[in-house]
Amino acid sequence: MRAPISLETVIETSLSFLGEKFRRRQVSVEKRISAAAVVDGDAEKLQQLFLNLFLNARDAMPKGGWLSIVTRATADGATVEVADTGSGIPAEQLSRI
């Protein structure tokens, strides 16, 4: 069901589910999350999107690293920037994404 969703709430909840997994992999999380970043959408689907994105980042950093998450409110919703120190996507797979 579509409704206004706080990205702060969804991201913080996702990170709380993954905290131990990140600690075991020595992945540090840096976040700058705007409380004003709100989007209209499906909270469950958005939660699944962030869980998958954050787990993929963790999997790309088997020896540890950092995950950075930044959100901003915009005139038409919000932006989310996610970066990590993982190995990246192999060039031969980029065309399929």
PDB file of N, CA and C in Angstrom:
ATOM      1  N   MET A   1       0.829  -1.171   0.000  1.00  0.00           N
ATOM      2  CA  MET A   1       0.000   0.000   0.000  1.00  0.00           C
ATOM      3  C   MET A   1       0.884   1.249   0.000  1.00  0.00           C
ATOM      4  N   ARG A   2       0.564   2.181  -0.853  1.00  0.00           N
ATOM      5  CA  ARG A   2       1.343   3.418  -0.953  1.00  0.00           C
ATOM      6  C   ARG A   2       0.917   4.391   0.128  1.00  0.00           C
ATOM      7  N   ALA A   3       1.931   4.983   0.763  1.00  0.00           N
ATOM      8  CA  ALA A   3       1.707   5.960   1.823  1.00  0.00           C
ATOM      9  C   ALA A   3       3.003   6.736   2.020  1.00  0.00           C
ATOM     10  N   PRO A   4       2.957   7.885   2.689  1.00  0.00           N
ATOM     11  CA  PRO A   4       4.194   8.610   2.995  1.00  0.00           C
ATOM     12  C   PRO A   4       5.081   7.763   3.915  1.00  0.00           C
ATOM     13  N   ILE A   5       6.365   7.668   3.558  1.00  0.00           N
ATOM     14  CA  ILE A   5       7.307   6.823   4.296  1.00  0.00           C
ATOM     15  C   ILE A   5       8.538   7.648   4.666  1.00  0.00           C
ATOM     16  N   SER A   6       8.914   7.582   5.912  1.00  0.00           N
ATOM     17  CA  SER A   6      10.143   8.215   6.371  1.00  0.00           C
ATOM     18  C   SER A   6      11.318   7.318   5.992  1.00  0.00           C
ATOM     19  N   LEU A   7      12.213   7.843   5.153  1.00  0.00           N
ATOM     20  CA  LEU A   7      13.398   7.056   4.796  1.00  0.00           C
ATOM     21  C   LEU A   7      14.263   6.798   6.016  1.00  0.00           C
ATOM     22  N   GLU A   8      14.282   7.738   6.941  1.00  0.00           N
ATOM     23  CA  GLU A   8      15.045   7.555   8.169  1.00  0.00           C
ATOM     24  C   GLU A   8      14.585   6.290   8.898  1.00  0.00           C
ATOM     25  N   THR A   9      13.283   6.124   9.048  1.00  0.00           N
ATOM     26  CA  THR A   9      12.742   4.960   9.755  1.00  0.00           C
ATOM     27  C   THR A   9      13.068   3.667   9.022  1.00  0.00           C
ATOM     28  N   VAL A  10      12.856   3.643   7.715  1.00  0.00           N
ATOM     29  CA  VAL A  10      13.092   2.429   6.934  1.00  0.00           C
ATOM     30  C   VAL A  10      14.578   2.051   6.942  1.00  0.00           C
ATOM     31  N   ILE A  11      15.445   3.012   6.760  1.00  0.00           N
ATOM     32  CA  ILE A  11      16.883   2.734   6.724  1.00  0.00           C
ATOM     33  C   ILE A  11      17.382   2.303   8.103  1.00  0.00           C
ATOM     34  N   GLU A  12      16.978   3.006   9.147  1.00  0.00           N
ATOM     35  CA  GLU A  12      17.422   2.636  10.496  1.00  0.00           C
ATOM     36  C   GLU A  12      16.929   1.243  10.864  1.00  0.00           C
ATOM     37  N   THR A  13      15.710   0.896  10.491  1.00  0.00           N
ATOM     38  CA  THR A  13      15.184  -0.444  10.767  1.00  0.00           C
ATOM     39  C   THR A  13      15.986  -1.493  10.005  1.00  0.00           C
ATOM     40  N   SER A  14      16.269  -1.221   8.748  1.00  0.00           N
ATOM     41  CA  SER A  14      17.071  -2.158   7.946  1.00  0.00           C
ATOM     42  C   SER A  14      18.441  -2.368   8.578  1.00  0.00           C
ATOM     43  N   LEU A  15      19.071  -1.287   8.975  1.00  0.00           N
ATOM     44  CA  LEU A  15      20.400  -1.399   9.586  1.00  0.00           C
ATOM     45  C   LEU A  15      20.347  -2.146  10.914  1.00  0.00           C
ATOM     46  N   SER A  16      19.270  -1.986  11.668  1.00  0.00           N
ATOM     47  CA  SER A  16      19.173  -2.702  12.950  1.00  0.00           C
ATOM     48  C   SER A  16      19.086  -4.207  12.723  1.00  0.00           C
ATOM     49  N   PHE A  17      18.441  -4.636  11.642  1.00  0.00           N
ATOM     50  CA  PHE A  17      18.372  -6.066  11.315  1.00  0.00           C
ATOM     51  C   PHE A  17      19.738  -6.625  10.949  1.00  0.00           C
ATOM     52  N   LEU A  18      20.602  -5.778  10.393  1.00  0.00           N
ATOM     53  CA  LEU A  18      21.875  -6.234   9.845  1.00  0.00           C
ATOM     54  C   LEU A  18      23.078  -5.926  10.725  1.00  0.00           C
ATOM     55  N   GLY A  19      22.853  -5.315  11.866  1.00  0.00           N
ATOM     56  CA  GLY A  19      23.950  -4.871  12.713  1.00  0.00           C
ATOM     57  C   GLY A  19      24.973  -5.944  13.026  1.00  0.00           C
ATOM     58  N   GLU A  20      24.523  -7.103  13.454  1.00  0.00           N
ATOM     59  CA  GLU A  20      25.448  -8.183  13.813  1.00  0.00           C
ATOM     60  C   GLU A  20      26.199  -8.693  12.583  1.00  0.00           C
ATOM     61  N   LYS A  21      25.517  -8.781  11.459  1.00  0.00           N
ATOM     62  CA  LYS A  21      26.167  -9.230  10.219  1.00  0.00           C
ATOM     63  C   LYS A  21      27.286  -8.270   9.821  1.00  0.00           C
ATOM     64  N   PHE A  22      27.051  -6.968   9.994  1.00  0.00           N
ATOM     65  CA  PHE A  22      28.085  -5.977   9.691  1.00  0.00           C
ATOM     66  C   PHE A  22      29.236  -6.072  10.686  1.00  0.00           C
ATOM     67  N   ARG A  23      28.920  -6.237  11.952  1.00  0.00           N
ATOM     68  CA  ARG A  23      29.989  -6.327  12.967  1.00  0.00           C
ATOM     69  C   ARG A  23      30.889  -7.534  12.686  1.00  0.00           C
ATOM     70  N   ARG A  24      30.287  -8.674  12.361  1.00  0.00           N
ATOM     71  CA  ARG A  24      31.083  -9.878  12.081  1.00  0.00           C
ATOM     72  C   ARG A  24      32.008  -9.684  10.892  1.00  0.00           C
ATOM     73  N   ARG A  25      31.600  -8.906   9.918  1.00  0.00           N
ATOM     74  CA  ARG A  25      32.410  -8.640   8.723  1.00  0.00           C
ATOM     75  C   ARG A  25      33.276  -7.409   8.868  1.00  0.00           C
ATOM     76  N   GLN A  26      33.214  -6.757  10.008  1.00  0.00           N
ATOM     77  CA  GLN A  26      33.967  -5.523  10.256  1.00  0.00           C
ATOM     78  C   GLN A  26      33.628  -4.442   9.228  1.00  0.00           C
ATOM     79  N   VAL A  27      32.322  -4.283   8.998  1.00  0.00           N
ATOM     80  CA  VAL A  27      31.833  -3.240   8.110  1.00  0.00           C
ATOM     81  C   VAL A  27      31.308  -2.096   8.977  1.00  0.00           C
ATOM     82  N   SER A  28      31.883  -0.921   8.805  1.00  0.00           N
ATOM     83  CA  SER A  28      31.436   0.266   9.519  1.00  0.00           C
ATOM     84  C   SER A  28      30.394   0.991   8.681  1.00  0.00           C
ATOM     85  N   VAL A  29      29.419   1.553   9.352  1.00  0.00           N
ATOM     86  CA  VAL A  29      28.358   2.280   8.651  1.00  0.00           C
ATOM     87  C   VAL A  29      28.452   3.762   9.014  1.00  0.00           C
ATOM     88  N   GLU A  30      28.528   4.579   7.983  1.00  0.00           N
ATOM     89  CA  GLU A  30      28.509   6.037   8.136  1.00  0.00           C
ATOM     90  C   GLU A  30      27.198   6.506   7.533  1.00  0.00           C
ATOM     91  N   LYS A  31      26.433   7.266   8.279  1.00  0.00           N
ATOM     92  CA  LYS A  31      25.142   7.699   7.743  1.00  0.00           C
ATOM     93  C   LYS A  31      24.872   9.157   8.051  1.00  0.00           C
ATOM     94  N   ARG A  32      24.293   9.809   7.072  1.00  0.00           N
ATOM     95  CA  ARG A  32      23.788  11.169   7.209  1.00  0.00           C
ATOM     96  C   ARG A  32      22.370  11.138   6.649  1.00  0.00           C
ATOM     97  N   ILE A  33      21.438  10.888   7.546  1.00  0.00           N
ATOM     98  CA  ILE A  33      20.061  10.646   7.134  1.00  0.00           C
ATOM     99  C   ILE A  33      19.185  11.815   7.568  1.00  0.00           C
ATOM    100  N   SER A  34      18.545  12.434   6.615  1.00  0.00           N
ATOM    101  CA  SER A  34      17.666  13.562   6.891  1.00  0.00           C
ATOM    102  C   SER A  34      16.311  13.078   7.373  1.00  0.00           C
ATOM    103  N   ALA A  35      15.875  13.594   8.513  1.00  0.00           N
ATOM    104  CA  ALA A  35      14.546  13.253   9.023  1.00  0.00           C
ATOM    105  C   ALA A  35      13.458  13.778   8.096  1.00  0.00           C
ATOM    106  N   ALA A  36      13.792  14.766   7.264  1.00  0.00           N
ATOM    107  CA  ALA A  36      12.813  15.350   6.353  1.00  0.00           C
ATOM    108  C   ALA A  36      12.663  14.567   5.047  1.00  0.00           C
ATOM    109  N   ALA A  37      13.498  13.530   4.839  1.00  0.00           N
ATOM    110  CA  ALA A  37      13.432  12.752   3.596  1.00  0.00           C
ATOM    111  C   ALA A  37      12.270  11.766   3.677  1.00  0.00           C
ATOM    112  N   VAL A  38      11.198  12.106   2.972  1.00  0.00           N
ATOM    113  CA  VAL A  38       9.983  11.291   2.973  1.00  0.00           C
ATOM    114  C   VAL A  38       9.603  11.021   1.520  1.00  0.00           C
ATOM    115  N   VAL A  39       9.179   9.788   1.249  1.00  0.00           N
ATOM    116  CA  VAL A  39       8.727   9.419  -0.091  1.00  0.00           C
ATOM    117  C   VAL A  39       7.361   8.750   0.008  1.00  0.00           C
ATOM    118  N   ASP A  40       6.658   8.734  -1.096  1.00  0.00           N
ATOM    119  CA  ASP A  40       5.369   8.058  -1.168  1.00  0.00           C
ATOM    120  C   ASP A  40       5.622   6.677  -1.776  1.00  0.00           C
ATOM    121  N   GLY A  41       5.297   5.627  -1.048  1.00  0.00           N
ATOM    122  CA  GLY A  41       5.558   4.292  -1.584  1.00  0.00           C
ATOM    123  C   GLY A  41       5.050   3.191  -0.679  1.00  0.00           C
ATOM    124  N   ASP A  42       5.541   2.002  -0.919  1.00  0.00           N
ATOM    125  CA  ASP A  42       5.182   0.798  -0.173  1.00  0.00           C
ATOM    126  C   ASP A  42       6.309   0.505   0.814  1.00  0.00           C
ATOM    127  N   ALA A  43       6.039   0.621   2.102  1.00  0.00           N
ATOM    128  CA  ALA A  43       7.076   0.481   3.131  1.00  0.00           C
ATOM    129  C   ALA A  43       7.746  -0.887   3.092  1.00  0.00           C
ATOM    130  N   GLU A  44       6.982  -1.945   2.901  1.00  0.00           N
ATOM    131  CA  GLU A  44       7.567  -3.297   2.873  1.00  0.00           C
ATOM    132  C   GLU A  44       8.524  -3.465   1.700  1.00  0.00           C
ATOM    133  N   LYS A  45       8.129  -2.999   0.541  1.00  0.00           N
ATOM    134  CA  LYS A  45       8.992  -3.123  -0.638  1.00  0.00           C
ATOM    135  C   LYS A  45      10.247  -2.270  -0.492  1.00  0.00           C
ATOM    136  N   LEU A  46      10.086  -1.097   0.068  1.00  0.00           N
ATOM    137  CA  LEU A  46      11.244  -0.233   0.279  1.00  0.00           C
ATOM    138  C   LEU A  46      12.201  -0.856   1.294  1.00  0.00           C
ATOM    139  N   GLN A  47      11.646  -1.452   2.335  1.00  0.00           N
ATOM    140  CA  GLN A  47      12.459  -2.146   3.346  1.00  0.00           C
ATOM    141  C   GLN A  47      13.255  -3.272   2.681  1.00  0.00           C
ATOM    142  N   GLN A  48      12.608  -4.061   1.832  1.00  0.00           N
ATOM    143  CA  GLN A  48      13.290  -5.163   1.149  1.00  0.00           C
ATOM    144  C   GLN A  48      14.387  -4.646   0.226  1.00  0.00           C
ATOM    145  N   LEU A  49      14.118  -3.532  -0.447  1.00  0.00           N
ATOM    146  CA  LEU A  49      15.122  -2.936  -1.324  1.00  0.00           C
ATOM    147  C   LEU A  49      16.378  -2.575  -0.532  1.00  0.00           C
ATOM    148  N   PHE A  50      16.209  -1.884   0.603  1.00  0.00           N
ATOM    149  CA  PHE A  50      17.374  -1.485   1.395  1.00  0.00           C
ATOM    150  C   PHE A  50      18.086  -2.693   1.998  1.00  0.00           C
ATOM    151  N   LEU A  51      17.345  -3.682   2.472  1.00  0.00           N
ATOM    152  CA  LEU A  51      17.985  -4.884   3.011  1.00  0.00           C
ATOM    153  C   LEU A  51      18.852  -5.546   1.944  1.00  0.00           C
ATOM    154  N   ASN A  52      18.319  -5.702   0.745  1.00  0.00           N
ATOM    155  CA  ASN A  52      19.081  -6.326  -0.345  1.00  0.00           C
ATOM    156  C   ASN A  52      20.307  -5.490  -0.710  1.00  0.00           C
ATOM    157  N   LEU A  53      20.124  -4.190  -0.808  1.00  0.00           N
ATOM    158  CA  LEU A  53      21.226  -3.298  -1.162  1.00  0.00           C
ATOM    159  C   LEU A  53      22.335  -3.362  -0.116  1.00  0.00           C
ATOM    160  N   PHE A  54      21.963  -3.306   1.154  1.00  0.00           N
ATOM    161  CA  PHE A  54      22.962  -3.320   2.223  1.00  0.00           C
ATOM    162  C   PHE A  54      23.641  -4.685   2.345  1.00  0.00           C
ATOM    163  N   LEU A  55      22.895  -5.767   2.136  1.00  0.00           N
ATOM    164  CA  LEU A  55      23.511  -7.105   2.172  1.00  0.00           C
ATOM    165  C   LEU A  55      24.467  -7.302   1.000  1.00  0.00           C
ATOM    166  N   ASN A  56      24.097  -6.796  -0.175  1.00  0.00           N
ATOM    167  CA  ASN A  56      25.000  -6.879  -1.325  1.00  0.00           C
ATOM    168  C   ASN A  56      26.296  -6.121  -1.045  1.00  0.00           C
ATOM    169  N   ALA A  57      26.174  -4.963  -0.406  1.00  0.00           N
ATOM    170  CA  ALA A  57      27.365  -4.190  -0.051  1.00  0.00           C
ATOM    171  C   ALA A  57      28.227  -4.987   0.918  1.00  0.00           C
ATOM    172  N   ARG A  58      27.612  -5.567   1.925  1.00  0.00           N
ATOM    173  CA  ARG A  58      28.368  -6.366   2.905  1.00  0.00           C
ATOM    174  C   ARG A  58      29.071  -7.539   2.223  1.00  0.00           C
ATOM    175  N   ASP A  59      28.374  -8.211   1.320  1.00  0.00           N
ATOM    176  CA  ASP A  59      28.953  -9.363   0.629  1.00  0.00           C
ATOM    177  C   ASP A  59      30.140  -8.972  -0.245  1.00  0.00           C
ATOM    178  N   ALA A  60      30.152  -7.721  -0.714  1.00  0.00           N
ATOM    179  CA  ALA A  60      31.250  -7.241  -1.552  1.00  0.00           C
ATOM    180  C   ALA A  60      32.465  -6.830  -0.727  1.00  0.00           C
ATOM    181  N   MET A  61      32.345  -6.926   0.615  1.00  0.00           N
ATOM    182  CA  MET A  61      33.444  -6.518   1.500  1.00  0.00           C
ATOM    183  C   MET A  61      33.783  -7.664   2.469  1.00  0.00           C
ATOM    184  N   PRO A  62      34.272  -8.788   1.973  1.00  0.00           N
ATOM    185  CA  PRO A  62      34.522  -9.929   2.855  1.00  0.00           C
ATOM    186  C   PRO A  62      35.582  -9.676   3.920  1.00  0.00           C
ATOM    187  N   LYS A  63      36.445  -8.689   3.695  1.00  0.00           N
ATOM    188  CA  LYS A  63      37.494  -8.383   4.678  1.00  0.00           C
ATOM    189  C   LYS A  63      37.228  -7.069   5.403  1.00  0.00           C
ATOM    190  N   GLY A  64      35.985  -6.616   5.371  1.00  0.00           N
ATOM    191  CA  GLY A  64      35.621  -5.386   6.063  1.00  0.00           C
ATOM    192  C   GLY A  64      35.673  -4.181   5.159  1.00  0.00           C
ATOM    193  N   GLY A  65      35.216  -3.070   5.690  1.00  0.00           N
ATOM    194  CA  GLY A  65      35.193  -1.826   4.933  1.00  0.00           C
ATOM    195  C   GLY A  65      34.166  -0.899   5.516  1.00  0.00           C
ATOM    196  N   TRP A  66      33.658  -0.003   4.682  1.00  0.00           N
ATOM    197  CA  TRP A  66      32.641   0.916   5.172  1.00  0.00           C
ATOM    198  C   TRP A  66      31.516   1.068   4.168  1.00  0.00           C
ATOM    199  N   LEU A  67      30.351   1.346   4.719  1.00  0.00           N
ATOM    200  CA  LEU A  67      29.131   1.598   3.963  1.00  0.00           C
ATOM    201  C   LEU A  67      28.674   3.004   4.322  1.00  0.00           C
ATOM    202  N   SER A  68      28.431   3.824   3.326  1.00  0.00           N
ATOM    203  CA  SER A  68      27.986   5.201   3.533  1.00  0.00           C
ATOM    204  C   SER A  68      26.573   5.358   2.982  1.00  0.00           C
ATOM    205  N   ILE A  69      25.706   5.960   3.800  1.00  0.00           N
ATOM    206  CA  ILE A  69      24.319   6.193   3.395  1.00  0.00           C
ATOM    207  C   ILE A  69      23.993   7.657   3.658  1.00  0.00           C
ATOM    208  N   VAL A  70      23.527   8.352   2.619  1.00  0.00           N
ATOM    209  CA  VAL A  70      23.166   9.761   2.735  1.00  0.00           C
ATOM    210  C   VAL A  70      21.781   9.944   2.124  1.00  0.00           C
ATOM    211  N   THR A  71      20.893  10.610   2.855  1.00  0.00           N
ATOM    212  CA  THR A  71      19.582  10.956   2.299  1.00  0.00           C
ATOM    213  C   THR A  71      19.395  12.462   2.372  1.00  0.00           C
ATOM    214  N   ARG A  72      18.595  12.973   1.427  1.00  0.00           N
ATOM    215  CA  ARG A  72      18.255  14.395   1.394  1.00  0.00           C
ATOM    216  C   ARG A  72      16.807  14.536   0.953  1.00  0.00           C
ATOM    217  N   ALA A  73      16.108  15.471   1.555  1.00  0.00           N
ATOM    218  CA  ALA A  73      14.784  15.830   1.064  1.00  0.00           C
ATOM    219  C   ALA A  73      14.960  16.683  -0.189  1.00  0.00           C
ATOM    220  N   THR A  74      14.099  16.480  -1.166  1.00  0.00           N
ATOM    221  CA  THR A  74      14.122  17.279  -2.390  1.00  0.00           C
ATOM    222  C   THR A  74      12.715  17.836  -2.624  1.00  0.00           C
ATOM    223  N   ALA A  75      12.591  18.694  -3.604  1.00  0.00           N
ATOM    224  CA  ALA A  75      11.295  19.303  -3.903  1.00  0.00           C
ATOM    225  C   ALA A  75      10.242  18.257  -4.271  1.00  0.00           C
ATOM    226  N   ASP A  76      10.664  17.175  -4.904  1.00  0.00           N
ATOM    227  CA  ASP A  76       9.692  16.159  -5.329  1.00  0.00           C
ATOM    228  C   ASP A  76       9.834  14.838  -4.582  1.00  0.00           C
ATOM    229  N   GLY A  77      10.466  14.823  -3.417  1.00  0.00           N
ATOM    230  CA  GLY A  77      10.608  13.594  -2.626  1.00  0.00           C
ATOM    231  C   GLY A  77      11.914  13.551  -1.870  1.00  0.00           C
ATOM    232  N   ALA A  78      12.806  12.681  -2.320  1.00  0.00           N
ATOM    233  CA  ALA A  78      14.080  12.522  -1.615  1.00  0.00           C
ATOM    234  C   ALA A  78      15.092  11.842  -2.522  1.00  0.00           C
ATOM    235  N   THR A  79      16.368  11.999  -2.165  1.00  0.00           N
ATOM    236  CA  THR A  79      17.432  11.248  -2.819  1.00  0.00           C
ATOM    237  C   THR A  79      18.131  10.403  -1.769  1.00  0.00           C
ATOM    238  N   VAL A  80      18.642   9.269  -2.214  1.00  0.00           N
ATOM    239  CA  VAL A  80      19.406   8.372  -1.361  1.00  0.00           C
ATOM    240  C   VAL A  80      20.697   8.045  -2.097  1.00  0.00           C
ATOM    241  N   GLU A  81      21.825   8.226  -1.417  1.00  0.00           N
ATOM    242  CA  GLU A  81      23.132   7.872  -1.981  1.00  0.00           C
ATOM    243  C   GLU A  81      23.729   6.781  -1.101  1.00  0.00           C
ATOM    244  N   VAL A  82      24.138   5.687  -1.726  1.00  0.00           N
ATOM    245  CA  VAL A  82      24.762   4.579  -1.007  1.00  0.00           C
ATOM    246  C   VAL A  82      26.094   4.287  -1.683  1.00  0.00           C
ATOM    247  N   ALA A  83      27.151   4.209  -0.895  1.00  0.00           N
ATOM    248  CA  ALA A  83      28.480   3.891  -1.414  1.00  0.00           C
ATOM    249  C   ALA A  83      29.144   2.918  -0.448  1.00  0.00           C
ATOM    250  N   ASP A  84      30.052   2.118  -0.975  1.00  0.00           N
ATOM    251  CA  ASP A  84      30.803   1.209  -0.107  1.00  0.00           C
ATOM    252  C   ASP A  84      32.195   1.003  -0.674  1.00  0.00           C
ATOM    253  N   THR A  85      33.030   0.353   0.104  1.00  0.00           N
ATOM    254  CA  THR A  85      34.406   0.091  -0.324  1.00  0.00           C
ATOM    255  C   THR A  85      34.555  -1.325  -0.854  1.00  0.00           C
ATOM    256  N   GLY A  86      33.458  -1.886  -1.324  1.00  0.00           N
ATOM    257  CA  GLY A  86      33.474  -3.247  -1.856  1.00  0.00           C
ATOM    258  C   GLY A  86      34.162  -3.348  -3.199  1.00  0.00           C
ATOM    259  N   SER A  87      34.197  -4.565  -3.683  1.00  0.00           N
ATOM    260  CA  SER A  87      34.922  -4.878  -4.914  1.00  0.00           C
ATOM    261  C   SER A  87      34.253  -4.364  -6.177  1.00  0.00           C
ATOM    262  N   GLY A  88      32.997  -3.986  -6.113  1.00  0.00           N
ATOM    263  CA  GLY A  88      32.295  -3.485  -7.290  1.00  0.00           C
ATOM    264  C   GLY A  88      31.750  -4.615  -8.152  1.00  0.00           C
ATOM    265  N   ILE A  89      31.059  -4.233  -9.188  1.00  0.00           N
ATOM    266  CA  ILE A  89      30.443  -5.188 -10.097  1.00  0.00           C
ATOM    267  C   ILE A  89      31.420  -5.489 -11.230  1.00  0.00           C
ATOM    268  N   PRO A  90      31.701  -6.774 -11.495  1.00  0.00           N
ATOM    269  CA  PRO A  90      32.594  -7.101 -12.596  1.00  0.00           C
ATOM    270  C   PRO A  90      32.090  -6.541 -13.922  1.00  0.00           C
ATOM    271  N   ALA A  91      32.993  -6.052 -14.739  1.00  0.00           N
ATOM    272  CA  ALA A  91      32.641  -5.400 -16.002  1.00  0.00           C
ATOM    273  C   ALA A  91      31.762  -6.286 -16.873  1.00  0.00           C
ATOM    274  N   GLU A  92      32.004  -7.581 -16.894  1.00  0.00           N
ATOM    275  CA  GLU A  92      31.218  -8.471 -17.753  1.00  0.00           C
ATOM    276  C   GLU A  92      29.774  -8.613 -17.289  1.00  0.00           C
ATOM    277  N   GLN A  93      29.455  -8.215 -16.060  1.00  0.00           N
ATOM    278  CA  GLN A  93      28.087  -8.294 -15.554  1.00  0.00           C
ATOM    279  C   GLN A  93      27.330  -6.979 -15.678  1.00  0.00           C
ATOM    280  N   LEU A  94      28.027  -5.885 -15.915  1.00  0.00           N
ATOM    281  CA  LEU A  94      27.388  -4.576 -15.974  1.00  0.00           C
ATOM    282  C   LEU A  94      26.305  -4.487 -17.052  1.00  0.00           C
ATOM    283  N   SER A  95      26.526  -5.098 -18.193  1.00  0.00           N
ATOM    284  CA  SER A  95      25.561  -5.003 -19.283  1.00  0.00           C
ATOM    285  C   SER A  95      24.250  -5.723 -18.963  1.00  0.00           C
ATOM    286  N   ARG A  96      24.264  -6.643 -17.991  1.00  0.00           N
ATOM    287  CA  ARG A  96      23.052  -7.389 -17.639  1.00  0.00           C
ATOM    288  C   ARG A  96      22.249  -6.717 -16.532  1.00  0.00           C
ATOM    289  N   ILE A  97      22.803  -5.671 -15.949  1.00  0.00           N
ATOM    290  CA  ILE A  97      22.114  -5.023 -14.822  1.00  0.00           C
ATOM    291  C   ILE A  97      21.210  -3.921 -15.329  1.00  0.00           C
TER     292      ILE A  97
END
